[in-house]
């Protein structure tokens, strides 16, 4: 989401990532109803799914963005794109996929029973000023010029180790700055009535990433089951500025930004992203441009699984350091509402890869054997 190259480079994730599912169904949407799957992507005659995709228009808009931004990516996947659009125009009955030249490959999930992990990410909007004034005193930095030696860690940067000439904005929240680093980009509102400025990923300081969510769990401040972006913010709201800074300094990695006027949010494929019609994937398993038919768990306003799902068509257009194997990070959009949704997602649904053309050839040349991705934990 940032010209989201930074999402590829940054380690970690925005929300707690469970290592797998070993129990019966839980409140995170594990379904356990498809039997054991023996391959990472298993060809099925008909997906065991009900209903039709709710986002046909968004999917079509996402295809137009691909065509305009990356003709080569569009052309490589156009056989599938055309077949999916024909299938949608006919009513999108999952029992009729083969009639439109489409094969469906079910993903085995993190447990070999079809439960694929879904997390979420978004594009934040932060308030800032060009010069320090009042509460606007927390710097955002551009990448410093390359010089000798290693760049300072986060604690050093917070203490003023970088040149002030590399400051590109001052915000009113150190936590907002950190969350924008987590996402790898964001929009900045300078409060002057001018259009928002996109701050794209500009590089990082080269220090190892450490999850502050894991720090809070290890300290007993937040229960592992309750970990989310909202939980981190709630913790920050009830602690002093000094305590918040001390927590953030536990992650020595630091992200720099590059201001861009009138820039759309792009994934690692350099394609503008449509909310809830694009995902970040592990490209060793799910290459860029892959169309997914996903049964996505629905959450309530407090992030609890409602017991319901909705079918969505999505395209893999982004990547992430912690997005491995049977795991997708769904792009939720721009602003606080999108952030609210993204911060809660750490749930499970089912996913089928749709592929048009000759099923006698390998699904993907880069396809690997099962790569169940379940790293324990947390914010990116």
Protein backbone atom coordinates (compact mmCIF):
# COMPACT_ATOMS: atom_id res chain seq x y z
CA UNK A 1 0.00 0.00 0.00
CA UNK A 2 2.61 2.42 -0.48
CA UNK A 3 3.97 1.90 -3.67
CA UNK A 4 4.01 -0.91 -1.20
CA UNK A 5 7.59 -1.97 -1.85
CA UNK A 6 8.21 -1.36 1.83
CA UNK A 7 5.72 -4.03 2.76
CA UNK A 8 8.02 -6.50 1.01
CA UNK A 9 11.05 -5.20 2.88
CA UNK A 10 9.58 -4.79 6.33
CA UNK A 11 9.29 -7.79 8.55
CA UNK A 12 6.28 -8.57 10.66
CA UNK A 13 2.58 -7.89 10.34
CA UNK A 14 0.04 -5.48 11.60
CA UNK A 15 -1.84 -8.02 13.67
CA UNK A 16 -1.08 -11.14 15.63
CA UNK A 17 -0.51 -14.13 13.41
CA UNK A 18 -1.44 -17.49 14.78
CA UNK A 19 0.82 -20.40 14.05
CA UNK A 20 -1.94 -22.78 13.07
CA UNK A 21 -5.21 -24.42 14.03
CA UNK A 22 -5.09 -27.56 16.10
CA UNK A 23 -8.49 -27.41 17.81
CA UNK A 24 -12.08 -27.46 16.65
CA UNK A 25 -13.83 -24.38 15.27
CA UNK A 26 -13.21 -21.13 17.13
CA UNK A 27 -14.42 -17.55 16.98
CA UNK A 28 -11.88 -16.79 14.23
CA UNK A 29 -13.81 -18.56 11.53
CA UNK A 30 -12.13 -21.95 11.21
CA UNK A 31 -14.53 -24.12 9.29
CA UNK A 32 -13.14 -27.67 9.28
CA UNK A 33 -15.64 -29.01 6.78
CA UNK A 34 -13.75 -29.87 3.60
CA UNK A 35 -11.76 -32.88 4.71
CA UNK A 36 -8.00 -33.10 4.69
CA UNK A 37 -6.27 -31.54 1.68
CA UNK A 38 -2.96 -33.12 0.68
CA UNK A 39 -1.59 -30.40 -1.60
CA UNK A 40 -1.00 -26.67 -1.12
CA UNK A 41 -3.30 -26.07 -4.12
CA UNK A 42 -5.67 -28.95 -4.87
CA UNK A 43 -7.79 -29.12 -8.02
CA UNK A 44 -11.47 -29.54 -7.20
CA UNK A 45 -14.35 -30.15 -9.60
CA UNK A 46 -16.56 -27.57 -7.90
CA UNK A 47 -15.80 -25.31 -4.94
CA UNK A 48 -17.81 -26.25 -1.88
CA UNK A 49 -19.09 -22.67 -1.65
CA UNK A 50 -22.47 -20.99 -1.56
CA UNK A 51 -23.52 -17.59 -2.87
CA UNK A 52 -21.94 -15.36 -5.46
CA UNK A 53 -19.19 -12.76 -5.13
CA UNK A 54 -20.38 -9.48 -3.60
CA UNK A 55 -17.74 -7.32 -5.29
CA UNK A 56 -18.01 -8.02 -9.02
CA UNK A 57 -17.74 -4.31 -9.87
CA UNK A 58 -14.70 -3.78 -7.65
CA UNK A 59 -13.01 -6.80 -9.21
CA UNK A 60 -13.67 -5.41 -12.70
CA UNK A 61 -12.30 -2.02 -11.61
CA UNK A 62 -9.21 -3.73 -10.26
CA UNK A 63 -8.68 -5.44 -13.62
CA UNK A 64 -8.88 -2.05 -15.35
CA UNK A 65 -6.21 -0.70 -13.00
CA UNK A 66 -3.99 -3.66 -13.88
CA UNK A 67 -4.54 -3.16 -17.60
CA UNK A 68 -3.68 0.55 -17.41
CA UNK A 69 -0.73 0.29 -15.02
CA UNK A 70 0.87 -2.99 -16.08
CA UNK A 71 -0.14 -4.27 -19.54
CA UNK A 72 2.36 -7.12 -19.31
CA UNK A 73 0.86 -8.39 -16.05
CA UNK A 74 -2.63 -8.03 -17.51
CA UNK A 75 -1.74 -9.93 -20.68
CA UNK A 76 -0.14 -12.80 -18.75
CA UNK A 77 -3.38 -13.33 -16.85
CA UNK A 78 -5.93 -12.18 -19.42
CA UNK A 79 -7.22 -15.68 -20.23
CA UNK A 80 -8.28 -16.06 -16.62
CA UNK A 81 -9.54 -12.47 -16.33
CA UNK A 82 -11.81 -12.85 -19.37
CA UNK A 83 -13.13 -16.22 -18.23
CA UNK A 84 -13.93 -14.89 -14.75
CA UNK A 85 -15.76 -11.88 -16.18
CA UNK A 86 -17.82 -14.13 -18.46
CA UNK A 87 -18.63 -16.36 -15.51
CA UNK A 88 -19.69 -13.34 -13.43
CA UNK A 89 -21.89 -12.00 -16.23
CA UNK A 90 -23.71 -15.36 -16.33
CA UNK A 91 -24.60 -15.27 -12.64
CA UNK A 92 -21.39 -16.52 -10.98
CA UNK A 93 -22.63 -20.00 -10.08
CA UNK A 94 -19.64 -21.87 -8.62
CA UNK A 95 -21.05 -25.11 -10.03
CA UNK A 96 -20.53 -23.75 -13.55
CA UNK A 97 -16.90 -22.57 -13.45
CA UNK A 98 -15.73 -25.31 -15.79
CA UNK A 99 -18.28 -24.20 -18.39
CA UNK A 100 -16.27 -20.99 -18.72
CA UNK A 101 -12.88 -22.68 -18.96
CA UNK A 102 -12.05 -22.09 -15.30
CA UNK A 103 -10.42 -24.55 -12.94
CA UNK A 104 -10.62 -24.03 -9.18
CA UNK A 105 -7.70 -25.03 -6.96
CA UNK A 106 -8.55 -25.04 -3.27
CA UNK A 107 -5.84 -23.88 -0.88
CA UNK A 108 -5.10 -26.35 1.87
CA UNK A 109 -4.92 -23.65 4.55
CA UNK A 110 -2.69 -23.47 7.58
CA UNK A 111 -4.12 -26.73 8.96
CA UNK A 112 -4.55 -28.86 5.78
CA UNK A 113 -8.33 -28.54 6.20
CA UNK A 114 -8.86 -25.49 4.03
CA UNK A 115 -8.55 -22.75 6.66
CA UNK A 116 -6.61 -19.92 5.04
CA UNK A 117 -5.48 -17.02 7.20
CA UNK A 118 -6.69 -13.48 6.52
CA UNK A 119 -5.14 -10.36 7.99
CA UNK A 120 -5.63 -6.78 6.84
CA UNK A 121 -3.73 -3.61 5.99
CA UNK A 122 -4.74 -0.08 5.00
CA UNK A 123 -3.51 3.39 4.12
CA UNK A 124 -3.56 5.75 7.11
CA UNK A 125 -4.18 9.50 6.97
CA UNK A 126 -2.17 11.53 9.50
CA UNK A 127 -2.32 15.20 10.46
CA UNK A 128 0.93 17.16 10.10
CA UNK A 129 2.56 20.54 9.65
CA UNK A 130 5.66 21.61 7.73
CA UNK A 131 7.24 23.18 10.83
CA UNK A 132 7.05 22.26 14.53
CA UNK A 133 4.17 24.02 16.28
CA UNK A 134 2.23 23.14 19.40
CA UNK A 135 1.36 19.45 19.46
CA UNK A 136 2.89 18.96 16.01
CA UNK A 137 6.37 18.04 17.18
CA UNK A 138 6.97 14.43 16.04
CA UNK A 139 9.16 14.31 12.90
CA UNK A 140 8.66 12.18 9.79
CA UNK A 141 11.95 11.73 7.92
CA UNK A 142 13.12 11.21 4.37
CA UNK A 143 15.89 8.69 3.76
CA UNK A 144 19.17 10.39 4.76
CA UNK A 145 21.92 10.65 2.13
CA UNK A 146 24.10 7.60 1.98
CA UNK A 147 27.23 8.06 4.03
CA UNK A 148 29.71 6.08 6.02
CA UNK A 149 28.51 3.87 8.80
CA UNK A 150 25.16 2.53 9.80
CA UNK A 151 22.11 4.66 10.36
CA UNK A 152 21.02 5.03 14.01
CA UNK A 153 18.33 2.84 15.54
CA UNK A 154 14.87 4.09 16.49
CA UNK A 155 15.92 5.23 19.97
CA UNK A 156 18.77 7.23 18.47
CA UNK A 157 16.49 8.80 15.87
CA UNK A 158 13.94 9.74 18.55
CA UNK A 159 16.81 11.39 20.45
CA UNK A 160 17.69 13.58 17.45
CA UNK A 161 20.54 11.61 15.85
CA UNK A 162 19.45 12.55 12.31
CA UNK A 163 19.90 15.88 10.57
CA UNK A 164 16.88 18.17 10.86
CA UNK A 165 17.22 18.84 7.14
CA UNK A 166 15.86 15.34 6.55
CA UNK A 167 12.59 16.09 8.36
CA UNK A 168 9.69 16.31 5.90
CA UNK A 169 6.78 16.85 8.30
CA UNK A 170 5.83 17.12 11.97
CA UNK A 171 2.82 15.17 13.22
CA UNK A 172 0.85 15.33 16.46
CA UNK A 173 1.24 11.65 17.35
CA UNK A 174 4.31 9.45 17.71
CA UNK A 175 2.02 6.42 17.60
CA UNK A 176 0.45 7.61 14.31
CA UNK A 177 3.96 7.90 12.87
CA UNK A 178 4.75 4.37 13.95
CA UNK A 179 1.52 2.96 12.54
CA UNK A 180 2.26 4.65 9.22
CA UNK A 181 5.64 2.92 9.30
CA UNK A 182 3.85 -0.36 9.96
CA UNK A 183 1.78 0.16 6.80
CA UNK A 184 4.78 1.44 4.87
CA UNK A 185 3.02 4.54 3.53
CA UNK A 186 0.19 6.94 4.17
CA UNK A 187 -1.47 10.20 3.25
CA UNK A 188 -0.56 13.39 5.10
CA UNK A 189 -2.99 16.24 5.70
CA UNK A 190 -1.08 19.47 6.28
CA UNK A 191 -4.23 21.29 7.34
CA UNK A 192 -3.86 24.00 4.72
CA UNK A 193 -6.82 23.10 2.52
CA UNK A 194 -4.55 21.53 -0.11
CA UNK A 195 -4.89 17.94 -1.39
CA UNK A 196 -3.47 15.21 0.77
CA UNK A 197 0.17 14.35 0.10
CA UNK A 198 1.08 10.69 -0.34
CA UNK A 199 4.12 9.66 1.69
CA UNK A 200 5.46 6.57 -0.02
CA UNK A 201 8.02 4.14 1.34
CA UNK A 202 11.48 5.69 1.19
CA UNK A 203 13.71 3.09 2.81
CA UNK A 204 14.64 1.97 6.31
CA UNK A 205 17.55 2.20 8.68
CA UNK A 206 18.72 -1.40 8.32
CA UNK A 207 18.13 -2.49 11.91
CA UNK A 208 16.21 -5.68 12.66
CA UNK A 209 12.46 -5.47 13.12
CA UNK A 210 11.00 -6.35 16.53
CA UNK A 211 7.27 -6.58 17.11
CA UNK A 212 5.93 -4.23 19.79
CA UNK A 213 2.82 -6.41 19.93
CA UNK A 214 4.96 -9.33 20.99
CA UNK A 215 6.70 -7.11 23.55
CA UNK A 216 3.33 -6.24 25.09
CA UNK A 217 2.33 -9.90 25.15
CA UNK A 218 5.64 -10.98 26.70
CA UNK A 219 5.29 -8.27 29.35
CA UNK A 220 1.78 -9.42 30.19
CA UNK A 221 0.31 -6.07 29.18
CA UNK A 222 -2.02 -7.52 26.50
CA UNK A 223 -3.26 -11.08 26.19
CA UNK A 224 -2.17 -12.87 23.04
CA UNK A 225 -5.79 -13.63 22.12
CA UNK A 226 -6.65 -9.92 22.33
CA UNK A 227 -3.73 -8.58 20.31
CA UNK A 228 -4.69 -6.19 17.51
CA UNK A 229 -3.81 -2.73 16.28
CA UNK A 230 -6.67 -1.41 18.41
CA UNK A 231 -5.25 -3.14 21.48
CA UNK A 232 -1.90 -1.45 20.92
CA UNK A 233 -3.56 1.94 20.52
CA UNK A 234 -5.70 1.39 23.61
CA UNK A 235 -2.59 0.55 25.59
CA UNK A 236 -0.91 3.74 24.34
CA UNK A 237 -3.95 5.84 25.26
CA UNK A 238 -3.69 4.74 28.88
CA UNK A 239 0.05 5.24 29.29
CA UNK A 240 2.32 8.25 29.38
CA UNK A 241 4.17 9.67 26.39
CA UNK A 242 7.43 8.44 27.91
CA UNK A 243 6.06 4.90 28.27
CA UNK A 244 4.78 4.89 24.69
CA UNK A 245 8.16 6.04 23.41
CA UNK A 246 9.93 3.37 25.47
CA UNK A 247 7.69 0.70 23.94
CA UNK A 248 8.25 1.92 20.38
CA UNK A 249 12.00 2.01 20.97
CA UNK A 250 11.90 -1.76 21.51
CA UNK A 251 11.66 -1.95 17.72
CA UNK A 252 15.00 -0.60 16.43
CA UNK A 253 13.84 -0.66 12.80
CA UNK A 254 12.75 2.71 11.40
CA UNK A 255 11.04 3.60 8.12
CA UNK A 256 11.64 6.70 6.00
CA UNK A 257 9.18 8.28 3.58
CA UNK A 258 9.15 9.97 0.21
CA UNK A 259 6.46 12.64 -0.45
CA UNK A 260 4.58 12.25 -3.73
CA UNK A 261 1.84 14.57 -4.95
CA UNK A 262 -1.38 13.06 -6.35
CA UNK A 263 -0.09 9.49 -6.03
CA UNK A 264 -2.53 6.58 -5.77
CA UNK A 265 -1.94 3.69 -3.40
CA UNK A 266 -0.02 1.05 -5.31
CA UNK A 267 1.01 -2.48 -4.48
CA UNK A 268 4.35 -4.13 -5.16
CA UNK A 269 3.11 -4.83 -8.69
CA UNK A 270 2.97 -1.03 -9.25
CA UNK A 271 -0.80 -1.27 -9.73
CA UNK A 272 -3.27 1.02 -7.88
CA UNK A 273 -5.16 -1.02 -5.30
CA UNK A 274 -8.93 -1.32 -4.99
CA UNK A 275 -10.12 -1.89 -1.43
CA UNK A 276 -11.13 -5.48 -0.69
CA UNK A 277 -10.37 -6.52 -4.27
CA UNK A 278 -6.62 -6.93 -3.80
CA UNK A 279 -4.39 -8.85 -1.43
CA UNK A 280 -0.76 -9.31 -0.54
CA UNK A 281 0.40 -12.89 -1.02
CA UNK A 282 3.44 -15.13 -0.81
CA UNK A 283 4.63 -14.98 -4.41
CA UNK A 284 6.41 -18.31 -4.16
CA UNK A 285 2.93 -19.83 -3.93
CA UNK A 286 0.54 -17.20 -5.35
CA UNK A 287 2.17 -15.05 -8.07
CA UNK A 288 1.17 -11.50 -8.94
CA UNK A 289 -1.99 -11.28 -11.00
CA UNK A 290 -3.56 -14.45 -9.60
CA UNK A 291 -7.35 -14.32 -9.24
CA UNK A 292 -8.76 -15.67 -5.99
CA UNK A 293 -12.28 -16.68 -5.10
CA UNK A 294 -12.37 -16.18 -1.34
CA UNK A 295 -14.88 -16.96 1.36
CA UNK A 296 -14.01 -14.15 3.77
CA UNK A 297 -15.14 -14.19 7.42
CA UNK A 298 -17.33 -11.22 8.39
CA UNK A 299 -16.53 -9.35 11.61
CA UNK A 300 -18.65 -7.06 13.72
CA UNK A 301 -17.62 -3.54 14.75
CA UNK A 302 -15.65 -4.94 17.66
CA UNK A 303 -13.69 -7.37 15.52
CA UNK A 304 -15.62 -10.50 16.53
CA UNK A 305 -16.47 -13.17 13.99
CA UNK A 306 -20.20 -13.03 13.20
CA UNK A 307 -20.45 -16.64 12.04
CA UNK A 308 -21.04 -15.46 8.48
CA UNK A 309 -18.90 -15.23 5.37
CA UNK A 310 -19.07 -13.40 2.06
CA UNK A 311 -17.64 -14.42 -1.28
CA UNK A 312 -15.13 -12.04 -2.85
CA UNK A 313 -13.03 -12.00 -6.00
CA UNK A 314 -9.58 -10.61 -5.36
CA UNK A 315 -6.27 -10.29 -7.18
CA UNK A 316 -2.82 -10.84 -5.69
CA UNK A 317 -1.00 -7.54 -6.28
CA UNK A 318 1.14 -7.00 -3.22
CA UNK A 319 3.62 -8.74 -0.95
CA UNK A 320 4.64 -8.67 2.70
CA UNK A 321 7.55 -9.82 4.79
CA UNK A 322 5.30 -11.90 7.05
CA UNK A 323 2.89 -13.06 4.35
CA UNK A 324 3.97 -16.65 3.91
CA UNK A 325 2.21 -19.71 2.56
CA UNK A 326 -1.52 -20.05 3.22
CA UNK A 327 -2.01 -16.45 4.32
CA UNK A 328 -3.33 -13.29 2.65
CA UNK A 329 -3.24 -9.67 3.76
CA UNK A 330 -6.36 -7.93 2.45
CA UNK A 331 -6.13 -4.28 1.46
CA UNK A 332 -8.93 -2.46 3.30
CA UNK A 333 -8.65 1.05 1.84
CA UNK A 334 -7.80 4.54 3.10
CA UNK A 335 -8.46 6.27 6.40
CA UNK A 336 -9.69 5.41 9.91
CA UNK A 337 -12.61 3.17 8.95
CA UNK A 338 -10.30 1.04 6.83
CA UNK A 339 -7.80 1.03 9.67
CA UNK A 340 -10.48 -0.13 12.08
CA UNK A 341 -11.28 -3.11 9.85
CA UNK A 342 -7.66 -3.91 9.10
CA UNK A 343 -6.64 -3.78 12.73
CA UNK A 344 -8.98 -6.58 13.76
CA UNK A 345 -8.48 -9.09 10.95
CA UNK A 346 -6.68 -12.24 11.98
CA UNK A 347 -9.28 -14.80 10.93
CA UNK A 348 -9.76 -17.79 8.65
CA UNK A 349 -11.75 -18.46 5.51
CA UNK A 350 -11.45 -20.57 2.39
CA UNK A 351 -9.76 -19.67 -0.88
CA UNK A 352 -9.82 -21.12 -4.37
CA UNK A 353 -7.32 -20.05 -7.03
CA UNK A 354 -9.12 -19.61 -10.35
CA UNK A 355 -7.20 -20.43 -13.49
CA UNK A 356 -8.30 -20.31 -17.11
CA UNK A 357 -6.77 -22.29 -19.96
CA UNK A 358 -5.06 -25.65 -20.16
CA UNK A 359 -5.24 -27.53 -16.86
CA UNK A 360 -2.72 -30.06 -18.07
CA UNK A 361 0.17 -27.69 -17.45
CA UNK A 362 1.55 -26.75 -14.01
CA UNK A 363 -0.63 -24.23 -12.23
CA UNK A 364 2.29 -21.88 -11.61
CA UNK A 365 5.88 -22.36 -12.61
CA UNK A 366 6.91 -20.89 -9.25
CA UNK A 367 4.58 -23.11 -7.24
CA UNK A 368 6.24 -24.74 -4.30
CA UNK A 369 5.14 -27.54 -2.09
CA UNK A 370 3.06 -26.74 0.95
CA UNK A 371 4.44 -23.67 2.69
CA UNK A 372 2.20 -23.19 5.69
CA UNK A 373 3.06 -19.73 6.89
CA UNK A 374 2.22 -19.10 10.52
CA UNK A 375 4.78 -16.92 12.09
CA UNK A 376 4.00 -15.98 15.62
CA UNK A 377 3.16 -12.57 15.73
CA UNK A 378 2.53 -9.27 15.04
CA UNK A 379 2.92 -5.74 13.97
CA UNK A 380 5.04 -5.10 10.98
